Amino acid sequence: MVNVSGRTWKDSHKPGAPAVTTDWARRQKERLEKAALKAKEKELKEEKQAKKDEQIRRLKERRELKAERERYEKMALVMHRKRVERVRRREKRNKLLKER
């Protein structure tokens, strides 16, 4: 069999069998299903990451509070109780002003 170009080693292209090729509507439906699945997976991943971030934030906060408490306890050993309270209030006020 000879092609139009005259090259015998190249097969001529024929239309695919209708049973083999998928119709447009089915391919489009599959694409939509795949996109929906990806969106759901992404949402679940984001939820999981948000949960993890929240847990990390709480842990950091707890550690900071513990460190602050220990620091004030050390201060209390050296200074008078009222002075420690004054320092604590001043630091709290400065922290609030700094966060503004």
PDB file of N, CA and C in Angstrom:
ATOM      1  N   MET A   1       0.845  -1.180   0.000  1.00  0.00           N
ATOM      2  CA  MET A   1       0.000   0.000   0.000  1.00  0.00           C
ATOM      3  C   MET A   1       0.888   1.240   0.000  1.00  0.00           C
ATOM      4  N   VAL A   2       0.584   2.159  -0.863  1.00  0.00           N
ATOM      5  CA  VAL A   2       1.382   3.364  -1.012  1.00  0.00           C
ATOM      6  C   VAL A   2       0.554   4.556  -0.539  1.00  0.00           C
ATOM      7  N   ASN A   3       1.192   5.394   0.311  1.00  0.00           N
ATOM      8  CA  ASN A   3       0.525   6.612   0.771  1.00  0.00           C
ATOM      9  C   ASN A   3       0.489   7.648  -0.332  1.00  0.00           C
ATOM     10  N   VAL A   4      -0.186   8.757  -0.019  1.00  0.00           N
ATOM     11  CA  VAL A   4      -0.238   9.861  -0.973  1.00  0.00           C
ATOM     12  C   VAL A   4       1.168  10.398  -1.202  1.00  0.00           C
ATOM     13  N   SER A   5       1.951  10.420  -0.116  1.00  0.00           N
ATOM     14  CA  SER A   5       3.308  10.948  -0.233  1.00  0.00           C
ATOM     15  C   SER A   5       4.238   9.992  -0.967  1.00  0.00           C
ATOM     16  N   GLY A   6       3.801   8.761  -1.121  1.00  0.00           N
ATOM     17  CA  GLY A   6       4.636   7.793  -1.804  1.00  0.00           C
ATOM     18  C   GLY A   6       5.502   6.978  -0.859  1.00  0.00           C
ATOM     19  N   ARG A   7       5.404   7.228   0.437  1.00  0.00           N
ATOM     20  CA  ARG A   7       6.231   6.484   1.388  1.00  0.00           C
ATOM     21  C   ARG A   7       5.495   5.208   1.799  1.00  0.00           C
ATOM     22  N   THR A   8       6.033   4.108   1.456  1.00  0.00           N
ATOM     23  CA  THR A   8       5.362   2.833   1.734  1.00  0.00           C
ATOM     24  C   THR A   8       5.520   2.401   3.189  1.00  0.00           C
ATOM     25  N   TRP A   9       6.561   2.886   3.872  1.00  0.00           N
ATOM     26  CA  TRP A   9       6.812   2.462   5.253  1.00  0.00           C
ATOM     27  C   TRP A   9       5.942   3.194   6.275  1.00  0.00           C
ATOM     28  N   LYS A  10       5.211   4.254   5.826  1.00  0.00           N
ATOM     29  CA  LYS A  10       4.326   4.987   6.734  1.00  0.00           C
ATOM     30  C   LYS A  10       2.894   4.551   6.477  1.00  0.00           C
ATOM     31  N   ASP A  11       2.197   4.179   7.535  1.00  0.00           N
ATOM     32  CA  ASP A  11       0.784   3.808   7.388  1.00  0.00           C
ATOM     33  C   ASP A  11      -0.050   5.051   7.170  1.00  0.00           C
ATOM     34  N   SER A  12      -1.104   4.884   6.434  1.00  0.00           N
ATOM     35  CA  SER A  12      -2.019   6.011   6.260  1.00  0.00           C
ATOM     36  C   SER A  12      -2.924   6.078   7.488  1.00  0.00           C
ATOM     37  N   HIS A  13      -3.303   7.281   7.867  1.00  0.00           N
ATOM     38  CA  HIS A  13      -4.138   7.469   9.049  1.00  0.00           C
ATOM     39  C   HIS A  13      -5.583   7.176   8.717  1.00  0.00           C
ATOM     40  N   LYS A  14      -6.213   6.453   9.599  1.00  0.00           N
ATOM     41  CA  LYS A  14      -7.624   6.132   9.434  1.00  0.00           C
ATOM     42  C   LYS A  14      -8.349   6.647  10.668  1.00  0.00           C
ATOM     43  N   PRO A  15      -9.604   6.987  10.542  1.00  0.00           N
ATOM     44  CA  PRO A  15     -10.347   7.434  11.726  1.00  0.00           C
ATOM     45  C   PRO A  15     -10.456   6.298  12.741  1.00  0.00           C
ATOM     46  N   GLY A  16     -10.405   6.654  14.020  1.00  0.00           N
ATOM     47  CA  GLY A  16     -10.479   5.652  15.073  1.00  0.00           C
ATOM     48  C   GLY A  16     -11.840   4.981  15.088  1.00  0.00           C
ATOM     49  N   ALA A  17     -11.862   3.790  15.624  1.00  0.00           N
ATOM     50  CA  ALA A  17     -13.120   3.059  15.714  1.00  0.00           C
ATOM     51  C   ALA A  17     -14.036   3.761  16.704  1.00  0.00           C
ATOM     52  N   PRO A  18     -15.321   3.880  16.401  1.00  0.00           N
ATOM     53  CA  PRO A  18     -16.245   4.586  17.296  1.00  0.00           C
ATOM     54  C   PRO A  18     -16.320   3.960  18.685  1.00  0.00           C
ATOM     55  N   ALA A  19     -16.129   2.664  18.797  1.00  0.00           N
ATOM     56  CA  ALA A  19     -16.195   2.002  20.096  1.00  0.00           C
ATOM     57  C   ALA A  19     -14.982   2.348  20.953  1.00  0.00           C
ATOM     58  N   VAL A  20     -13.881   2.700  20.319  1.00  0.00           N
ATOM     59  CA  VAL A  20     -12.648   2.979  21.054  1.00  0.00           C
ATOM     60  C   VAL A  20     -12.614   4.419  21.544  1.00  0.00           C
ATOM     61  N   THR A  21     -13.013   5.346  20.689  1.00  0.00           N
ATOM     62  CA  THR A  21     -12.947   6.755  21.072  1.00  0.00           C
ATOM     63  C   THR A  21     -14.099   7.107  22.001  1.00  0.00           C
ATOM     64  N   THR A  22     -13.795   7.983  22.963  1.00  0.00           N
ATOM     65  CA  THR A  22     -14.836   8.414  23.900  1.00  0.00           C
ATOM     66  C   THR A  22     -15.478   9.684  23.375  1.00  0.00           C
ATOM     67  N   ASP A  23     -16.751   9.796  23.604  1.00  0.00           N
ATOM     68  CA  ASP A  23     -17.442  10.984  23.110  1.00  0.00           C
ATOM     69  C   ASP A  23     -17.144  12.187  24.004  1.00  0.00           C
ATOM     70  N   TRP A  24     -17.393  13.346  23.470  1.00  0.00           N
ATOM     71  CA  TRP A  24     -17.054  14.612  24.126  1.00  0.00           C
ATOM     72  C   TRP A  24     -17.747  14.757  25.475  1.00  0.00           C
ATOM     73  N   ALA A  25     -19.020  14.414  25.534  1.00  0.00           N
ATOM     74  CA  ALA A  25     -19.782  14.584  26.775  1.00  0.00           C
ATOM     75  C   ALA A  25     -19.192  13.732  27.896  1.00  0.00           C
ATOM     76  N   ARG A  26     -18.809  12.511  27.574  1.00  0.00           N
ATOM     77  CA  ARG A  26     -18.253  11.638  28.600  1.00  0.00           C
ATOM     78  C   ARG A  26     -16.894  12.150  29.083  1.00  0.00           C
ATOM     79  N   ARG A  27     -16.053  12.610  28.145  1.00  0.00           N
ATOM     80  CA  ARG A  27     -14.751  13.166  28.544  1.00  0.00           C
ATOM     81  C   ARG A  27     -14.935  14.398  29.418  1.00  0.00           C
ATOM     82  N   GLN A  28     -15.896  15.236  29.038  1.00  0.00           N
ATOM     83  CA  GLN A  28     -16.148  16.453  29.814  1.00  0.00           C
ATOM     84  C   GLN A  28     -16.633  16.095  31.222  1.00  0.00           C
ATOM     85  N   LYS A  29     -17.507  15.102  31.305  1.00  0.00           N
ATOM     86  CA  LYS A  29     -18.018  14.652  32.601  1.00  0.00           C
ATOM     87  C   LYS A  29     -16.873  14.131  33.470  1.00  0.00           C
ATOM     88  N   GLU A  30     -15.971  13.352  32.868  1.00  0.00           N
ATOM     89  CA  GLU A  30     -14.826  12.824  33.609  1.00  0.00           C
ATOM     90  C   GLU A  30     -13.922  13.949  34.102  1.00  0.00           C
ATOM     91  N   ARG A  31     -13.727  14.967  33.267  1.00  0.00           N
ATOM     92  CA  ARG A  31     -12.910  16.117  33.677  1.00  0.00           C
ATOM     93  C   ARG A  31     -13.530  16.828  34.875  1.00  0.00           C
ATOM     94  N   LEU A  32     -14.847  17.023  34.816  1.00  0.00           N
ATOM     95  CA  LEU A  32     -15.538  17.689  35.924  1.00  0.00           C
ATOM     96  C   LEU A  32     -15.420  16.876  37.212  1.00  0.00           C
ATOM     97  N   GLU A  33     -15.584  15.567  37.100  1.00  0.00           N
ATOM     98  CA  GLU A  33     -15.460  14.703  38.281  1.00  0.00           C
ATOM     99  C   GLU A  33     -14.050  14.777  38.864  1.00  0.00           C
ATOM    100  N   LYS A  34     -13.061  14.773  37.977  1.00  0.00           N
ATOM    101  CA  LYS A  34     -11.668  14.851  38.421  1.00  0.00           C
ATOM    102  C   LYS A  34     -11.391  16.191  39.107  1.00  0.00           C
ATOM    103  N   ALA A  35     -11.931  17.269  38.531  1.00  0.00           N
ATOM    104  CA  ALA A  35     -11.740  18.599  39.124  1.00  0.00           C
ATOM    105  C   ALA A  35     -12.408  18.678  40.494  1.00  0.00           C
ATOM    106  N   ALA A  36     -13.606  18.094  40.613  1.00  0.00           N
ATOM    107  CA  ALA A  36     -14.310  18.096  41.898  1.00  0.00           C
ATOM    108  C   ALA A  36     -13.520  17.310  42.942  1.00  0.00           C
ATOM    109  N   LEU A  37     -12.964  16.189  42.521  1.00  0.00           N
ATOM    110  CA  LEU A  37     -12.167  15.366  43.427  1.00  0.00           C
ATOM    111  C   LEU A  37     -10.924  16.126  43.897  1.00  0.00           C
ATOM    112  N   LYS A  38     -10.258  16.811  42.963  1.00  0.00           N
ATOM    113  CA  LYS A  38      -9.068  17.594  43.324  1.00  0.00           C
ATOM    114  C   LYS A  38      -9.424  18.710  44.298  1.00  0.00           C
ATOM    115  N   ALA A  39     -10.562  19.377  44.052  1.00  0.00           N
ATOM    116  CA  ALA A  39     -10.993  20.460  44.938  1.00  0.00           C
ATOM    117  C   ALA A  39     -11.255  19.928  46.340  1.00  0.00           C
ATOM    118  N   LYS A  40     -11.891  18.766  46.428  1.00  0.00           N
ATOM    119  CA  LYS A  40     -12.187  18.161  47.729  1.00  0.00           C
ATOM    120  C   LYS A  40     -10.888  17.789  48.447  1.00  0.00           C
ATOM    121  N   GLU A  41      -9.935  17.207  47.704  1.00  0.00           N
ATOM    122  CA  GLU A  41      -8.643  16.850  48.298  1.00  0.00           C
ATOM    123  C   GLU A  41      -7.919  18.087  48.812  1.00  0.00           C
ATOM    124  N   LYS A  42      -7.960  19.155  48.020  1.00  0.00           N
ATOM    125  CA  LYS A  42      -7.306  20.403  48.414  1.00  0.00           C
ATOM    126  C   LYS A  42      -7.940  20.962  49.686  1.00  0.00           C
ATOM    127  N   GLU A  43      -9.268  20.910  49.744  1.00  0.00           N
ATOM    128  CA  GLU A  43      -9.980  21.407  50.924  1.00  0.00           C
ATOM    129  C   GLU A  43      -9.595  20.598  52.161  1.00  0.00           C
ATOM    130  N   LEU A  44      -9.531  19.279  52.017  1.00  0.00           N
ATOM    131  CA  LEU A  44      -9.157  18.427  53.145  1.00  0.00           C
ATOM    132  C   LEU A  44      -7.720  18.704  53.595  1.00  0.00           C
ATOM    133  N   LYS A  45      -6.818  18.903  52.626  1.00  0.00           N
ATOM    134  CA  LYS A  45      -5.428  19.221  52.965  1.00  0.00           C
ATOM    135  C   LYS A  45      -5.341  20.537  53.725  1.00  0.00           C
ATOM    136  N   GLU A  46      -6.086  21.546  53.245  1.00  0.00           N
ATOM    137  CA  GLU A  46      -6.069  22.850  53.908  1.00  0.00           C
ATOM    138  C   GLU A  46      -6.619  22.748  55.319  1.00  0.00           C
ATOM    139  N   GLU A  47      -7.695  21.961  55.493  1.00  0.00           N
ATOM    140  CA  GLU A  47      -8.265  21.753  56.825  1.00  0.00           C
ATOM    141  C   GLU A  47      -7.231  21.123  57.755  1.00  0.00           C
ATOM    142  N   LYS A  48      -6.565  20.102  57.243  1.00  0.00           N
ATOM    143  CA  LYS A  48      -5.561  19.398  58.040  1.00  0.00           C
ATOM    144  C   LYS A  48      -4.422  20.341  58.425  1.00  0.00           C
ATOM    145  N   GLN A  49      -3.969  21.161  57.464  1.00  0.00           N
ATOM    146  CA  GLN A  49      -2.884  22.104  57.721  1.00  0.00           C
ATOM    147  C   GLN A  49      -3.311  23.164  58.732  1.00  0.00           C
ATOM    148  N   ALA A  50      -4.561  23.640  58.612  1.00  0.00           N
ATOM    149  CA  ALA A  50      -5.062  24.647  59.547  1.00  0.00           C
ATOM    150  C   ALA A  50      -5.115  24.083  60.964  1.00  0.00           C
ATOM    151  N   LYS A  51      -5.546  22.844  61.072  1.00  0.00           N
ATOM    152  CA  LYS A  51      -5.610  22.191  62.381  1.00  0.00           C
ATOM    153  C   LYS A  51      -4.210  22.078  62.986  1.00  0.00           C
ATOM    154  N   LYS A  52      -3.256  21.693  62.147  1.00  0.00           N
ATOM    155  CA  LYS A  52      -1.866  21.545  62.593  1.00  0.00           C
ATOM    156  C   LYS A  52      -1.293  22.896  63.020  1.00  0.00           C
ATOM    157  N   ASP A  53      -1.545  23.937  62.215  1.00  0.00           N
ATOM    158  CA  ASP A  53      -1.055  25.279  62.539  1.00  0.00           C
ATOM    159  C   ASP A  53      -1.643  25.781  63.855  1.00  0.00           C
ATOM    160  N   GLU A  54      -2.935  25.507  64.068  1.00  0.00           N
ATOM    161  CA  GLU A  54      -3.595  25.927  65.305  1.00  0.00           C
ATOM    162  C   GLU A  54      -2.956  25.232  66.501  1.00  0.00           C
ATOM    163  N   GLN A  55      -2.680  23.950  66.361  1.00  0.00           N
ATOM    164  CA  GLN A  55      -2.061  23.194  67.445  1.00  0.00           C
ATOM    165  C   GLN A  55      -0.664  23.743  67.754  1.00  0.00           C
ATOM    166  N   ILE A  56       0.096  24.055  66.719  1.00  0.00           N
ATOM    167  CA  ILE A  56       1.441  24.611  66.899  1.00  0.00           C
ATOM    168  C   ILE A  56       1.361  25.971  67.589  1.00  0.00           C
ATOM    169  N   ARG A  57       0.384  26.800  67.165  1.00  0.00           N
ATOM    170  CA  ARG A  57       0.225  28.124  67.759  1.00  0.00           C
ATOM    171  C   ARG A  57      -0.090  28.013  69.252  1.00  0.00           C
ATOM    172  N   ARG A  58      -1.023  27.086  69.595  1.00  0.00           N
ATOM    173  CA  ARG A  58      -1.377  26.907  71.006  1.00  0.00           C
ATOM    174  C   ARG A  58      -0.176  26.432  71.819  1.00  0.00           C
ATOM    175  N   LEU A  59       0.614  25.521  71.252  1.00  0.00           N
ATOM    176  CA  LEU A  59       1.785  25.001  71.945  1.00  0.00           C
ATOM    177  C   LEU A  59       2.804  26.111  72.198  1.00  0.00           C
ATOM    178  N   LYS A  60       3.053  26.945  71.177  1.00  0.00           N
ATOM    179  CA  LYS A  60       3.988  28.068  71.332  1.00  0.00           C
ATOM    180  C   LYS A  60       3.500  29.032  72.404  1.00  0.00           C
ATOM    181  N   GLU A  61       2.197  29.319  72.364  1.00  0.00           N
ATOM    182  CA  GLU A  61       1.620  30.245  73.341  1.00  0.00           C
ATOM    183  C   GLU A  61       1.803  29.703  74.755  1.00  0.00           C
ATOM    184  N   ARG A  62       1.527  28.406  74.912  1.00  0.00           N
ATOM    185  CA  ARG A  62       1.662  27.784  76.226  1.00  0.00           C
ATOM    186  C   ARG A  62       3.110  27.851  76.711  1.00  0.00           C
ATOM    187  N   ARG A  63       4.057  27.593  75.820  1.00  0.00           N
ATOM    188  CA  ARG A  63       5.475  27.642  76.197  1.00  0.00           C
ATOM    189  C   ARG A  63       5.902  29.054  76.580  1.00  0.00           C
ATOM    190  N   GLU A  64       5.405  30.049  75.825  1.00  0.00           N
ATOM    191  CA  GLU A  64       5.735  31.441  76.143  1.00  0.00           C
ATOM    192  C   GLU A  64       5.210  31.817  77.526  1.00  0.00           C
ATOM    193  N   LEU A  65       3.969  31.414  77.823  1.00  0.00           N
ATOM    194  CA  LEU A  65       3.394  31.719  79.131  1.00  0.00           C
ATOM    195  C   LEU A  65       4.192  31.050  80.253  1.00  0.00           C
ATOM    196  N   LYS A  66       4.598  29.807  80.013  1.00  0.00           N
ATOM    197  CA  LYS A  66       5.378  29.090  81.024  1.00  0.00           C
ATOM    198  C   LYS A  66       6.719  29.782  81.260  1.00  0.00           C
ATOM    199  N   ALA A  67       7.382  30.192  80.168  1.00  0.00           N
ATOM    200  CA  ALA A  67       8.676  30.871  80.292  1.00  0.00           C
ATOM    201  C   ALA A  67       8.516  32.199  81.030  1.00  0.00           C
ATOM    202  N   GLU A  68       7.442  32.918  80.714  1.00  0.00           N
ATOM    203  CA  GLU A  68       7.194  34.203  81.375  1.00  0.00           C
ATOM    204  C   GLU A  68       6.943  34.000  82.869  1.00  0.00           C
ATOM    205  N   ARG A  69       6.145  32.982  83.198  1.00  0.00           N
ATOM    206  CA  ARG A  69       5.851  32.693  84.600  1.00  0.00           C
ATOM    207  C   ARG A  69       7.134  32.355  85.355  1.00  0.00           C
ATOM    208  N   GLU A  70       7.982  31.532  84.752  1.00  0.00           N
ATOM    209  CA  GLU A  70       9.251  31.165  85.401  1.00  0.00           C
ATOM    210  C   GLU A  70      10.155  32.375  85.588  1.00  0.00           C
ATOM    211  N   ARG A  71      10.136  33.269  84.600  1.00  0.00           N
ATOM    212  CA  ARG A  71      10.966  34.473  84.695  1.00  0.00           C
ATOM    213  C   ARG A  71      10.503  35.346  85.864  1.00  0.00           C
ATOM    214  N   TYR A  72       9.185  35.492  86.006  1.00  0.00           N
ATOM    215  CA  TYR A  72       8.665  36.297  87.115  1.00  0.00           C
ATOM    216  C   TYR A  72       8.938  35.631  88.467  1.00  0.00           C
ATOM    217  N   GLU A  73       8.908  34.301  88.494  1.00  0.00           N
ATOM    218  CA  GLU A  73       9.219  33.602  89.745  1.00  0.00           C
ATOM    219  C   GLU A  73      10.678  33.831  90.145  1.00  0.00           C
ATOM    220  N   LYS A  74      11.581  33.818  89.150  1.00  0.00           N
ATOM    221  CA  LYS A  74      12.993  34.101  89.437  1.00  0.00           C
ATOM    222  C   LYS A  74      13.157  35.522  89.945  1.00  0.00           C
ATOM    223  N   MET A  75      12.414  36.449  89.301  1.00  0.00           N
ATOM    224  CA  MET A  75      12.475  37.847  89.718  1.00  0.00           C
ATOM    225  C   MET A  75      11.979  37.999  91.153  1.00  0.00           C
ATOM    226  N   ALA A  76      10.933  37.239  91.493  1.00  0.00           N
ATOM    227  CA  ALA A  76      10.343  37.336  92.828  1.00  0.00           C
ATOM    228  C   ALA A  76      11.331  36.886  93.903  1.00  0.00           C
ATOM    229  N   LEU A  77      12.231  35.993  93.555  1.00  0.00           N
ATOM    230  CA  LEU A  77      13.228  35.551  94.525  1.00  0.00           C
ATOM    231  C   LEU A  77      14.193  36.678  94.863  1.00  0.00           C
ATOM    232  N   VAL A  78      14.458  37.549  93.894  1.00  0.00           N
ATOM    233  CA  VAL A  78      15.426  38.624  94.081  1.00  0.00           C
ATOM    234  C   VAL A  78      14.743  39.896  94.576  1.00  0.00           C
ATOM    235  N   MET A  79      13.589  40.229  93.977  1.00  0.00           N
ATOM    236  CA  MET A  79      12.919  41.500  94.279  1.00  0.00           C
ATOM    237  C   MET A  79      11.722  41.302  95.193  1.00  0.00           C
ATOM    238  N   HIS A  80      11.206  42.422  95.642  1.00  0.00           N
ATOM    239  CA  HIS A  80      10.005  42.432  96.456  1.00  0.00           C
ATOM    240  C   HIS A  80       8.801  42.122  95.568  1.00  0.00           C
ATOM    241  N   ARG A  81       7.753  41.526  96.149  1.00  0.00           N
ATOM    242  CA  ARG A  81       6.571  41.111  95.394  1.00  0.00           C
ATOM    243  C   ARG A  81       5.900  42.270  94.674  1.00  0.00           C
ATOM    244  N   LYS A  82       5.775  43.408  95.357  1.00  0.00           N
ATOM    245  CA  LYS A  82       5.092  44.557  94.747  1.00  0.00           C
ATOM    246  C   LYS A  82       5.874  45.088  93.548  1.00  0.00           C
ATOM    247  N   ARG A  83       7.181  45.083  93.654  1.00  0.00           N
ATOM    248  CA  ARG A  83       7.996  45.559  92.533  1.00  0.00           C
ATOM    249  C   ARG A  83       7.854  44.628  91.324  1.00  0.00           C
ATOM    250  N   VAL A  84       7.797  43.333  91.582  1.00  0.00           N
ATOM    251  CA  VAL A  84       7.603  42.359  90.501  1.00  0.00           C
ATOM    252  C   VAL A  84       6.267  42.615  89.810  1.00  0.00           C
ATOM    253  N   GLU A  85       5.232  42.883  90.591  1.00  0.00           N
ATOM    254  CA  GLU A  85       3.908  43.179  90.014  1.00  0.00           C
ATOM    255  C   GLU A  85       3.962  44.442  89.154  1.00  0.00           C
ATOM    256  N   ARG A  86       4.689  45.446  89.631  1.00  0.00           N
ATOM    257  CA  ARG A  86       4.835  46.694  88.861  1.00  0.00           C
ATOM    258  C   ARG A  86       5.532  46.429  87.531  1.00  0.00           C
ATOM    259  N   VAL A  87       6.608  45.652  87.580  1.00  0.00           N
ATOM    260  CA  VAL A  87       7.352  45.319  86.359  1.00  0.00           C
ATOM    261  C   VAL A  87       6.453  44.559  85.391  1.00  0.00           C
ATOM    262  N   ARG A  88       5.684  43.626  85.923  1.00  0.00           N
ATOM    263  CA  ARG A  88       4.781  42.831  85.092  1.00  0.00           C
ATOM    264  C   ARG A  88       3.749  43.723  84.395  1.00  0.00           C
ATOM    265  N   ARG A  89       3.174  44.647  85.154  1.00  0.00           N
ATOM    266  CA  ARG A  89       2.171  45.560  84.566  1.00  0.00           C
ATOM    267  C   ARG A  89       2.798  46.440  83.490  1.00  0.00           C
ATOM    268  N   ARG A  90       4.004  46.937  83.759  1.00  0.00           N
ATOM    269  CA  ARG A  90       4.686  47.798  82.799  1.00  0.00           C
ATOM    270  C   ARG A  90       4.979  47.031  81.503  1.00  0.00           C
ATOM    271  N   GLU A  91       5.473  45.813  81.648  1.00  0.00           N
ATOM    272  CA  GLU A  91       5.767  44.997  80.465  1.00  0.00           C
ATOM    273  C   GLU A  91       4.499  44.687  79.672  1.00  0.00           C
ATOM    274  N   LYS A  92       3.424  44.421  80.378  1.00  0.00           N
ATOM    275  CA  LYS A  92       2.151  44.144  79.705  1.00  0.00           C
ATOM    276  C   LYS A  92       1.684  45.368  78.926  1.00  0.00           C
ATOM    277  N   ARG A  93       1.809  46.540  79.559  1.00  0.00           N
ATOM    278  CA  ARG A  93       1.406  47.792  78.910  1.00  0.00           C
ATOM    279  C   ARG A  93       2.265  48.056  77.668  1.00  0.00           C
ATOM    280  N   ASN A  94       3.581  47.865  77.803  1.00  0.00           N
ATOM    281  CA  ASN A  94       4.484  48.071  76.664  1.00  0.00           C
ATOM    282  C   ASN A  94       4.179  47.098  75.527  1.00  0.00           C
ATOM    283  N   LYS A  95       3.846  45.869  75.900  1.00  0.00           N
ATOM    284  CA  LYS A  95       3.523  44.864  74.886  1.00  0.00           C
ATOM    285  C   LYS A  95       2.267  45.269  74.114  1.00  0.00           C
ATOM    286  N   LEU A  96       1.263  45.754  74.826  1.00  0.00           N
ATOM    287  CA  LEU A  96       0.026  46.187  74.168  1.00  0.00           C
ATOM    288  C   LEU A  96       0.276  47.383  73.255  1.00  0.00           C
ATOM    289  N   LEU A  97       1.114  48.317  73.707  1.00  0.00           N
ATOM    290  CA  LEU A  97       1.430  49.481  72.873  1.00  0.00           C
ATOM    291  C   LEU A  97       2.222  49.064  71.635  1.00  0.00           C
ATOM    292  N   LYS A  98       3.102  48.101  71.810  1.00  0.00           N
ATOM    293  CA  LYS A  98       3.932  47.632  70.705  1.00  0.00           C
ATOM    294  C   LYS A  98       3.090  46.927  69.636  1.00  0.00           C
ATOM    295  N   GLU A  99       2.049  46.220  70.059  1.00  0.00           N
ATOM    296  CA  GLU A  99       1.199  45.463  69.131  1.00  0.00           C
ATOM    297  C   GLU A  99       0.280  46.353  68.307  1.00  0.00           C
ATOM    298  N   ARG A 100       0.073  47.576  68.727  1.00  0.00           N
ATOM    299  CA  ARG A 100      -0.835  48.474  68.002  1.00  0.00           C
ATOM    300  C   ARG A 100      -0.441  48.711  66.600  1.00  0.00           C
TER     301      ARG A 100
END
